[in-house]
Amino acid sequence: MNAPRDSIPEVGAETYLFASIDGGHITWLTDALARLGSVVVLGPDTQSIDERITLLSPVAVFIDFSSEQSAIAASLHQRLKRDWPALPILATGVSAEPAAMLAALRAGVDDFIDMAAPPTDAVSTLRTLLERRSSQQVGSRGCTLTLLGARAGLGVTTLATSLALTLHDLLTQTPARPPGRVSRHGVALLDLGLPARDGLLYLDTQSGFSFVDGVRNLRRLDQTLLHTALAHHGSGVAVLPLPASLTQVREISHADSVALIKRLSDFFDFQIADLGGFSTVDFIAQTVREAQRTWVVCDQSIGAIVSTAHLLKELRSRGVETEGLSLVVNKFDNHVGLSAKDIAERLELPLRHVLPARSAQLLTAASRGEMLVRSARTDPYSQAVSVLARSLHQEFMSPAGQPPAKDPRWGALISRFRKSPSEG
């Protein structure tokens, strides 16, 4: 994948979209938010708005509801709420035009900016909205878990497929969703590891729709397309693999690929991204930044430990804070004189879990076209995967669980608002 520069701005240089044709209003909002970031204007033709949102990852969208634009504004708001439900939307207008404010309220915008008021009021209103969204954001997106493996053969795909099946079973056993959660469904396995499409193979599933196809259809992505295009295992787990011809991967950018992963989290409770053996570190780094959880999978071999240490070094050089990653020691054998704790200390990662070496049992199940977590639920490997699945389920699906979708920029953004000189 060809990687353009990171399209997500740093804190203090955030992007805000403004749908307006009024030059005076554009200048007013640009000046009001100058200390916080840049305002990108959307003209009357908003056909490219999905592409803008994907590439710029805006903090919020402002829509001008002034009288001559109110009809178009209401239509745009309706589409944004349908296609980008997690994105904050604010209306702008002038209090001297009560019709504009009424149209905005009827449309159901998140808040209203009065352009007849001091510009500091816009900053205050935006800050309050982001704080409210941050505290109420339970379930606006599903949890993305990235599984990293520095080389092929560490068992990442086996873990990813097993975890996807076990998590899906837990979800189907849940009688009701906690209050406040949006309607999503099940688990998606992003089969992006190498060797390619092994996840499909393990699940005995066929797919004619690939990750590259998903990127190309990003603007059309909705529940209907996902239901009809994505491959589904008999359990209900959705699978999105790499294309059969890996040369197609070069035709899409890292930014668009990560945008697809982020977009899919609007539709699934959990998505497991298998990046075992994936060699493009820039893409891995961007994916890790978007994921709610990242587990680094390693075994007891010296080669695996050295390769994993090198991968972590590469991620750190790209600004990834590896302190937030966790280690899963796979294929663990008590007879080997290297403990899981020793491996964690060498890699400077917190130890999340240990999975036992059960190669023979896993191979026997695979030879019958089965997954061990389904055919032998009491096997030590199945039990270990079940513990991991239950911890994720409890963390992200319980009413008291931490919201999985909190944008990592928002905490820093709100802090910046509080320190902003624009509020005097």
Protein backbone atom coordinates (compact mmCIF):
# COMPACT_ATOMS: atom_id res chain seq x y z
CA MET A 1 0.00 0.00 0.00
CA ASN A 2 1.35 3.43 -0.89
CA ALA A 3 1.38 5.65 2.15
CA PRO A 4 0.83 9.39 1.77
CA ARG A 5 1.56 11.55 4.76
CA ASP A 6 -0.58 10.88 7.80
CA SER A 7 -3.95 12.46 7.04
CA ILE A 8 -4.97 12.80 10.69
CA PRO A 9 -3.80 16.20 11.98
CA GLU A 10 -1.93 16.58 15.23
CA VAL A 11 -3.69 18.17 18.18
CA GLY A 12 -3.74 21.92 17.64
CA ALA A 13 -4.03 21.46 13.88
CA GLU A 14 -7.39 19.71 13.70
CA THR A 15 -9.70 19.96 10.74
CA TYR A 16 -13.29 21.21 10.76
CA LEU A 17 -15.60 21.04 7.74
CA PHE A 18 -17.94 23.93 7.02
CA ALA A 19 -20.75 23.60 4.47
CA SER A 20 -21.47 27.21 3.48
CA ILE A 21 -21.51 29.53 0.47
CA ASP A 22 -21.45 32.73 2.55
CA GLY A 23 -18.00 34.32 2.45
CA GLY A 24 -18.62 36.36 5.59
CA HIS A 25 -19.70 33.31 7.58
CA ILE A 26 -16.70 31.34 6.34
CA THR A 27 -14.33 34.09 7.48
CA TRP A 28 -16.08 34.36 10.85
CA LEU A 29 -15.81 30.65 11.64
CA THR A 30 -12.26 30.39 10.30
CA ASP A 31 -11.17 33.22 12.59
CA ALA A 32 -13.10 31.80 15.56
CA LEU A 33 -11.38 28.41 15.29
CA ALA A 34 -7.98 29.68 14.14
CA ARG A 35 -6.20 28.70 17.35
CA LEU A 36 -7.66 25.19 17.25
CA GLY A 37 -7.19 24.14 13.66
CA SER A 38 -8.21 24.76 10.07
CA VAL A 39 -11.64 25.10 8.51
CA VAL A 40 -12.15 23.31 5.18
CA VAL A 41 -15.07 24.69 3.18
CA LEU A 42 -17.60 22.48 1.43
CA GLY A 43 -19.30 24.18 -1.48
CA PRO A 44 -22.89 23.77 -2.66
CA ASP A 45 -21.92 20.53 -4.41
CA THR A 46 -21.20 18.21 -1.49
CA GLN A 47 -20.83 15.03 -3.51
CA SER A 48 -17.25 14.66 -2.27
CA ILE A 49 -18.09 15.05 1.41
CA ASP A 50 -17.58 11.33 2.20
CA GLU A 51 -14.13 11.48 0.65
CA ARG A 52 -13.31 14.63 2.61
CA ILE A 53 -14.38 13.04 5.88
CA THR A 54 -12.40 9.90 5.11
CA LEU A 55 -9.19 11.72 4.23
CA LEU A 56 -9.32 14.61 6.72
CA SER A 57 -10.89 12.89 9.75
CA PRO A 58 -12.55 16.13 10.91
CA VAL A 59 -13.34 16.79 14.57
CA ALA A 60 -16.75 18.21 13.65
CA VAL A 61 -18.85 19.43 10.74
CA PHE A 62 -20.52 22.86 10.70
CA ILE A 63 -23.53 23.42 8.42
CA ASP A 64 -24.74 26.91 7.52
CA PHE A 65 -28.51 27.07 8.05
CA SER A 66 -28.88 30.66 6.85
CA SER A 67 -32.20 31.23 5.11
CA GLU A 68 -30.99 30.76 1.54
CA GLN A 69 -29.24 27.50 2.46
CA SER A 70 -31.63 25.95 4.97
CA ALA A 71 -33.21 23.36 2.64
CA ILE A 72 -29.85 22.08 1.39
CA ALA A 73 -28.49 22.21 4.94
CA ALA A 74 -31.28 20.03 6.33
CA SER A 75 -30.76 17.46 3.57
CA LEU A 76 -27.01 17.38 4.17
CA HIS A 77 -27.50 16.98 7.90
CA GLN A 78 -29.84 14.05 7.36
CA ARG A 79 -27.30 12.29 5.15
CA LEU A 80 -24.42 12.89 7.57
CA LYS A 81 -26.39 11.54 10.50
CA ARG A 82 -27.22 8.44 8.47
CA ASP A 83 -23.74 7.77 7.07
CA TRP A 84 -21.50 9.26 9.79
CA PRO A 85 -23.45 8.91 13.05
CA ALA A 86 -20.43 9.39 15.31
CA LEU A 87 -19.44 12.75 13.80
CA PRO A 88 -20.53 15.87 15.75
CA ILE A 89 -22.61 18.27 13.63
CA LEU A 90 -23.21 21.91 14.52
CA ALA A 91 -25.48 24.38 12.76
CA THR A 92 -24.52 28.00 12.16
CA GLY A 93 -26.77 30.97 11.59
CA VAL A 94 -27.66 34.41 12.85
CA SER A 95 -30.06 34.93 15.74
CA ALA A 96 -31.70 37.75 13.79
CA GLU A 97 -32.97 35.03 11.42
CA PRO A 98 -35.15 32.87 13.70
CA ALA A 99 -36.17 30.73 10.72
CA ALA A 100 -32.59 29.48 10.40
CA MET A 101 -32.44 28.48 14.06
CA LEU A 102 -35.84 26.80 13.82
CA ALA A 103 -34.77 24.84 10.72
CA ALA A 104 -31.63 23.69 12.50
CA LEU A 105 -33.55 22.58 15.58
CA ARG A 106 -36.07 20.70 13.47
CA ALA A 107 -33.23 18.96 11.63
CA GLY A 108 -31.88 17.73 14.96
CA VAL A 109 -28.36 19.20 14.92
CA ASP A 110 -26.12 18.60 17.93
CA ASP A 111 -25.80 22.34 18.70
CA PHE A 112 -26.20 25.82 17.21
CA ILE A 113 -23.57 28.55 16.69
CA ASP A 114 -24.89 32.12 16.61
CA MET A 115 -22.64 34.11 14.28
CA ALA A 116 -23.94 37.34 15.74
CA ALA A 117 -22.32 36.39 19.05
CA PRO A 118 -18.62 36.77 19.94
CA PRO A 119 -16.36 34.17 18.28
CA THR A 120 -15.36 32.87 21.71
CA ASP A 121 -18.92 31.55 22.04
CA ALA A 122 -18.28 29.19 19.11
CA VAL A 123 -15.24 27.75 20.89
CA SER A 124 -17.21 27.37 24.12
CA THR A 125 -20.15 25.66 22.36
CA LEU A 126 -17.85 23.28 20.49
CA ARG A 127 -15.97 22.44 23.69
CA THR A 128 -19.19 21.70 25.56
CA LEU A 129 -20.43 19.47 22.75
CA LEU A 130 -17.18 17.48 22.60
CA GLU A 131 -17.17 17.04 26.37
CA ARG A 132 -20.76 15.81 26.24
CA ARG A 133 -19.98 13.47 23.36
CA SER A 134 -16.89 12.18 25.15
CA SER A 135 -18.84 11.31 28.30
CA GLN A 136 -21.83 9.83 26.46
CA GLN A 137 -19.98 8.02 23.72
CA VAL A 138 -20.68 4.48 24.91
CA GLY A 139 -21.13 2.22 21.91
CA SER A 140 -20.97 4.78 19.13
CA ARG A 141 -18.39 2.49 17.57
CA GLY A 142 -17.42 -1.08 18.07
CA CYS A 143 -14.08 -2.26 19.42
CA THR A 144 -11.22 -2.81 17.01
CA LEU A 145 -8.63 -5.29 18.25
CA THR A 146 -5.41 -5.51 16.27
CA LEU A 147 -3.30 -8.67 16.55
CA LEU A 148 0.33 -8.17 15.54
CA GLY A 149 2.85 -10.86 14.72
CA ALA A 150 6.36 -9.92 13.64
CA ARG A 151 6.68 -12.97 11.37
CA ALA A 152 4.54 -15.72 9.91
CA GLY A 153 4.09 -18.88 11.94
CA LEU A 154 3.41 -17.37 15.37
CA GLY A 155 -0.21 -18.55 15.40
CA VAL A 156 -1.77 -15.10 14.98
CA THR A 157 -4.35 -16.22 12.42
CA THR A 158 -5.36 -19.22 14.53
CA LEU A 159 -5.84 -16.89 17.49
CA ALA A 160 -7.72 -14.30 15.40
CA THR A 161 -10.17 -16.82 13.94
CA SER A 162 -10.65 -18.60 17.28
CA LEU A 163 -11.23 -15.32 19.10
CA ALA A 164 -13.71 -14.13 16.46
CA LEU A 165 -15.78 -17.30 16.79
CA THR A 166 -15.72 -17.24 20.59
CA LEU A 167 -16.63 -13.55 20.78
CA HIS A 168 -19.50 -14.07 18.35
CA ASP A 169 -20.85 -16.90 20.51
CA LEU A 170 -20.73 -14.62 23.55
CA LEU A 171 -22.62 -11.89 21.70
CA THR A 172 -25.36 -14.27 20.60
CA GLN A 173 -25.76 -15.38 24.23
CA THR A 174 -26.21 -11.78 25.42
CA PRO A 175 -29.97 -11.29 25.90
CA ALA A 176 -30.00 -7.54 25.44
CA ARG A 177 -27.62 -4.70 24.72
CA PRO A 178 -26.80 -2.15 27.40
CA PRO A 179 -28.76 1.14 27.19
CA GLY A 180 -27.26 3.67 24.83
CA ARG A 181 -25.64 1.25 22.43
CA VAL A 182 -26.34 1.68 18.77
CA SER A 183 -27.52 -1.16 16.60
CA ARG A 184 -24.52 -3.11 15.36
CA HIS A 185 -24.15 -6.77 14.77
CA GLY A 186 -21.57 -9.35 15.66
CA VAL A 187 -17.92 -9.77 14.81
CA ALA A 188 -15.85 -9.09 11.70
CA LEU A 189 -12.53 -10.80 11.03
CA LEU A 190 -10.17 -8.70 8.92
CA ASP A 191 -8.05 -11.46 7.40
CA LEU A 192 -5.00 -9.32 6.56
CA GLY A 193 -2.19 -11.56 7.77
CA LEU A 194 0.36 -13.48 5.76
CA PRO A 195 0.21 -16.06 4.27
CA ALA A 196 -2.78 -14.36 2.69
CA ARG A 197 -6.34 -15.57 3.22
CA ASP A 198 -5.45 -18.22 5.78
CA GLY A 199 -8.32 -17.00 7.96
CA LEU A 200 -10.75 -17.92 5.19
CA LEU A 201 -9.05 -21.29 4.88
CA TYR A 202 -9.30 -22.05 8.60
CA LEU A 203 -12.97 -21.07 8.61
CA ASP A 204 -13.64 -23.07 5.42
CA THR A 205 -15.23 -19.98 3.87
CA GLN A 206 -15.11 -18.49 0.38
CA SER A 207 -15.03 -14.78 -0.45
CA GLY A 208 -15.19 -12.87 -3.72
CA PHE A 209 -15.13 -9.49 -1.95
CA SER A 210 -11.75 -8.39 -0.63
CA PHE A 211 -10.31 -5.67 1.61
CA VAL A 212 -9.28 -3.78 -1.54
CA ASP A 213 -12.88 -3.95 -2.78
CA GLY A 214 -13.97 -2.54 0.57
CA VAL A 215 -11.62 0.42 0.21
CA ARG A 216 -12.85 1.09 -3.33
CA ASN A 217 -16.47 1.00 -2.13
CA LEU A 218 -15.88 3.00 1.04
CA ARG A 219 -18.34 5.74 0.06
CA ARG A 220 -21.08 3.15 -0.63
CA LEU A 221 -20.53 1.22 2.56
CA ASP A 222 -23.74 0.51 4.44
CA GLN A 223 -25.41 -2.38 6.25
CA THR A 224 -26.94 -3.75 3.04
CA LEU A 225 -23.63 -3.84 1.18
CA LEU A 226 -21.88 -5.48 4.12
CA HIS A 227 -24.59 -8.12 4.40
CA THR A 228 -24.52 -9.01 0.72
CA ALA A 229 -20.83 -8.56 -0.15
CA LEU A 230 -18.91 -9.80 2.87
CA ALA A 231 -18.29 -13.51 3.32
CA HIS A 232 -19.92 -15.02 6.42
CA HIS A 233 -18.89 -18.12 8.31
CA GLY A 234 -21.72 -20.45 9.32
CA SER A 235 -21.56 -18.98 12.83
CA GLY A 236 -22.33 -15.52 11.49
CA VAL A 237 -18.80 -14.09 11.73
CA ALA A 238 -18.11 -11.75 8.78
CA VAL A 239 -14.76 -12.17 7.03
CA LEU A 240 -12.95 -9.58 4.91
CA PRO A 241 -9.73 -11.03 3.44
CA LEU A 242 -6.86 -9.70 1.37
CA PRO A 243 -7.39 -10.13 -2.38
CA ALA A 244 -6.25 -13.34 -4.02
CA SER A 245 -3.77 -11.26 -6.05
CA LEU A 246 -1.69 -9.26 -3.57
CA THR A 247 -0.56 -6.88 -6.33
CA GLN A 248 -3.96 -5.18 -5.93
CA VAL A 249 -2.93 -4.04 -2.44
CA ARG A 250 -0.47 -1.60 -4.01
CA GLU A 251 -3.37 0.25 -5.63
CA ILE A 252 -4.78 1.55 -2.33
CA SER A 253 -3.24 3.93 0.19
CA HIS A 254 -2.63 3.35 3.89
CA ALA A 255 -4.91 6.26 4.75
CA ASP A 256 -7.84 4.79 2.80
CA SER A 257 -7.19 1.34 4.27
CA VAL A 258 -7.26 2.66 7.82
CA ALA A 259 -10.37 4.70 6.97
CA LEU A 260 -12.12 1.46 5.99
CA ILE A 261 -11.17 -0.19 9.28
CA LYS A 262 -12.47 2.84 11.17
CA ARG A 263 -15.69 2.90 9.12
CA LEU A 264 -16.37 -0.82 9.66
CA SER A 265 -16.40 -0.26 13.40
CA ASP A 266 -19.70 1.59 12.92
CA PHE A 267 -21.30 -1.72 11.91
CA PHE A 268 -19.76 -4.40 14.14
CA ASP A 269 -19.50 -4.84 17.89
CA PHE A 270 -15.98 -6.19 17.45
CA GLN A 271 -13.59 -6.43 14.57
CA ILE A 272 -10.45 -8.51 14.87
CA ALA A 273 -7.68 -7.30 12.56
CA ASP A 274 -5.19 -10.11 11.89
CA LEU A 275 -1.86 -8.51 10.93
CA GLY A 276 0.30 -11.54 11.63
CA GLY A 277 3.33 -11.47 9.34
CA PHE A 278 2.25 -8.19 7.72
CA SER A 279 5.43 -6.40 6.67
CA THR A 280 4.34 -2.82 5.90
CA VAL A 281 5.12 -1.06 9.17
CA ASP A 282 3.57 2.27 8.14
CA PHE A 283 0.18 0.62 7.71
CA ILE A 284 0.58 -1.29 10.96
CA ALA A 285 1.39 1.95 12.78
CA GLN A 286 -1.68 3.74 11.45
CA THR A 287 -3.92 0.77 12.24
CA VAL A 288 -2.61 0.56 15.80
CA ARG A 289 -3.41 4.26 16.30
CA GLU A 290 -7.03 3.66 15.34
CA ALA A 291 -7.51 0.41 17.29
CA GLN A 292 -8.92 0.37 20.81
CA ARG A 293 -6.68 -2.56 21.72
CA THR A 294 -3.52 -4.02 20.21
CA TRP A 295 -2.07 -7.35 21.26
CA VAL A 296 1.41 -8.36 20.18
CA VAL A 297 1.65 -12.13 19.71
CA CYS A 298 5.00 -13.83 20.28
CA ASP A 299 6.21 -17.32 21.16
CA GLN A 300 9.25 -18.55 23.11
CA SER A 301 11.61 -18.84 20.14
CA ILE A 302 14.61 -16.52 19.96
CA GLY A 303 13.78 -15.65 16.36
CA ALA A 304 10.27 -14.55 17.30
CA ILE A 305 11.51 -12.45 20.23
CA VAL A 306 14.17 -10.71 18.13
CA SER A 307 11.72 -10.05 15.26
CA THR A 308 9.10 -8.73 17.68
CA ALA A 309 11.63 -6.41 19.35
CA HIS A 310 12.56 -5.06 15.91
CA LEU A 311 8.89 -4.49 15.01
CA LEU A 312 8.30 -2.60 18.25
CA LYS A 313 11.37 -0.46 17.57
CA GLU A 314 10.02 0.37 14.11
CA LEU A 315 6.64 1.31 15.55
CA ARG A 316 8.25 3.56 18.16
CA SER A 317 10.25 5.31 15.44
CA ARG A 318 6.90 6.16 13.82
CA GLY A 319 5.52 7.72 16.99
CA VAL A 320 3.49 4.75 18.26
CA GLU A 321 3.38 4.64 22.05
CA THR A 322 4.04 0.94 22.57
CA GLU A 323 3.36 1.27 26.30
CA GLY A 324 -0.31 0.94 25.38
CA LEU A 325 0.19 -2.41 23.65
CA SER A 326 -0.12 -5.78 25.39
CA LEU A 327 1.75 -9.06 24.95
CA VAL A 328 0.15 -12.44 24.32
CA VAL A 329 2.65 -15.28 24.60
CA ASN A 330 1.49 -18.06 22.30
CA LYS A 331 2.50 -21.74 22.03
CA PHE A 332 3.80 -21.62 25.59
CA ASP A 333 5.61 -24.73 26.85
CA ASN A 334 6.50 -24.98 30.54
CA HIS A 335 9.46 -27.20 29.68
CA VAL A 336 11.20 -24.39 27.81
CA GLY A 337 13.45 -22.42 30.14
CA LEU A 338 11.99 -19.03 29.24
CA SER A 339 8.97 -17.76 31.11
CA ALA A 340 6.25 -15.53 29.71
CA LYS A 341 7.26 -12.88 32.25
CA ASP A 342 10.84 -12.95 30.95
CA ILE A 343 9.61 -12.41 27.38
CA ALA A 344 7.42 -9.51 28.49
CA GLU A 345 10.35 -7.89 30.27
CA ARG A 346 12.62 -8.28 27.25
CA LEU A 347 9.99 -6.69 24.99
CA GLU A 348 9.02 -4.07 27.59
CA LEU A 349 5.33 -4.90 27.21
CA PRO A 350 2.68 -5.72 29.82
CA LEU A 351 1.75 -9.40 29.72
CA ARG A 352 -1.90 -9.82 28.76
CA HIS A 353 -2.24 -13.59 28.52
CA VAL A 354 -0.52 -16.90 27.85
CA LEU A 355 -1.82 -19.48 25.37
CA PRO A 356 -0.62 -23.09 25.73
CA ALA A 357 1.22 -25.03 23.05
CA ARG A 358 -1.44 -27.28 21.49
CA SER A 359 -0.10 -27.72 17.95
CA ALA A 360 -1.12 -31.37 17.61
CA GLN A 361 -4.68 -30.72 18.80
CA LEU A 362 -5.07 -27.67 16.56
CA LEU A 363 -3.72 -29.60 13.57
CA THR A 364 -6.02 -32.56 14.23
CA ALA A 365 -9.06 -30.28 14.35
CA ALA A 366 -7.96 -28.46 11.18
CA SER A 367 -7.51 -31.76 9.33
CA ARG A 368 -11.20 -32.45 9.99
CA GLY A 369 -12.17 -28.97 8.76
CA GLU A 370 -12.98 -27.84 12.30
CA MET A 371 -11.86 -25.13 14.71
CA LEU A 372 -10.60 -26.43 18.05
CA VAL A 373 -12.56 -23.78 19.97
CA ARG A 374 -15.72 -25.31 18.49
CA SER A 375 -14.91 -29.03 18.45
CA ALA A 376 -13.18 -29.22 21.85
CA ARG A 377 -14.37 -26.40 24.08
CA THR A 378 -12.71 -27.92 27.15
CA ASP A 379 -9.27 -28.07 25.54
CA PRO A 380 -6.73 -25.83 27.34
CA TYR A 381 -6.29 -23.71 24.20
CA SER A 382 -10.05 -23.23 23.81
CA GLN A 383 -10.34 -22.33 27.48
CA ALA A 384 -7.53 -19.77 27.21
CA VAL A 385 -9.14 -18.13 24.17
CA SER A 386 -12.45 -18.08 26.04
CA VAL A 387 -10.82 -16.13 28.88
CA LEU A 388 -9.54 -13.53 26.40
CA ALA A 389 -12.93 -13.27 24.69
CA ARG A 390 -14.79 -12.86 27.96
CA SER A 391 -12.45 -10.13 29.14
CA LEU A 392 -13.03 -8.17 25.93
CA HIS A 393 -16.77 -8.76 26.07
CA GLN A 394 -16.98 -7.60 29.66
CA GLU A 395 -14.81 -4.56 29.01
CA PHE A 396 -16.68 -3.28 25.98
CA MET A 397 -20.21 -4.67 26.20
CA SER A 398 -21.13 -4.21 29.86
CA PRO A 399 -22.99 -1.02 30.87
CA ALA A 400 -20.09 -0.10 33.14
CA GLY A 401 -17.43 -0.91 30.58
CA GLN A 402 -15.15 1.71 29.11
CA PRO A 403 -16.48 3.19 25.86
CA PRO A 404 -14.52 1.63 23.02
CA ALA A 405 -14.98 4.44 20.57
CA LYS A 406 -13.53 7.42 22.38
CA ASP A 407 -11.43 9.34 19.87
CA PRO A 408 -7.90 9.61 21.36
CA ARG A 409 -7.70 13.21 20.18
CA TRP A 410 -10.67 14.40 22.20
CA GLY A 411 -9.06 14.40 25.64
CA ALA A 412 -6.16 16.47 24.35
CA LEU A 413 -8.56 18.64 22.38
CA ILE A 414 -10.65 19.47 25.43
CA SER A 415 -7.51 20.27 27.43
CA ARG A 416 -6.46 22.61 24.66
CA PHE A 417 -9.85 24.29 24.72
CA ARG A 418 -9.48 24.97 28.42
CA LYS A 419 -6.07 26.56 27.89
CA SER A 420 -7.02 28.45 24.74
CA PRO A 421 -6.09 32.16 24.89
CA SER A 422 -9.13 32.86 22.72
CA GLU A 423 -11.26 32.55 25.83
CA GLY A 424 -9.24 35.16 27.61
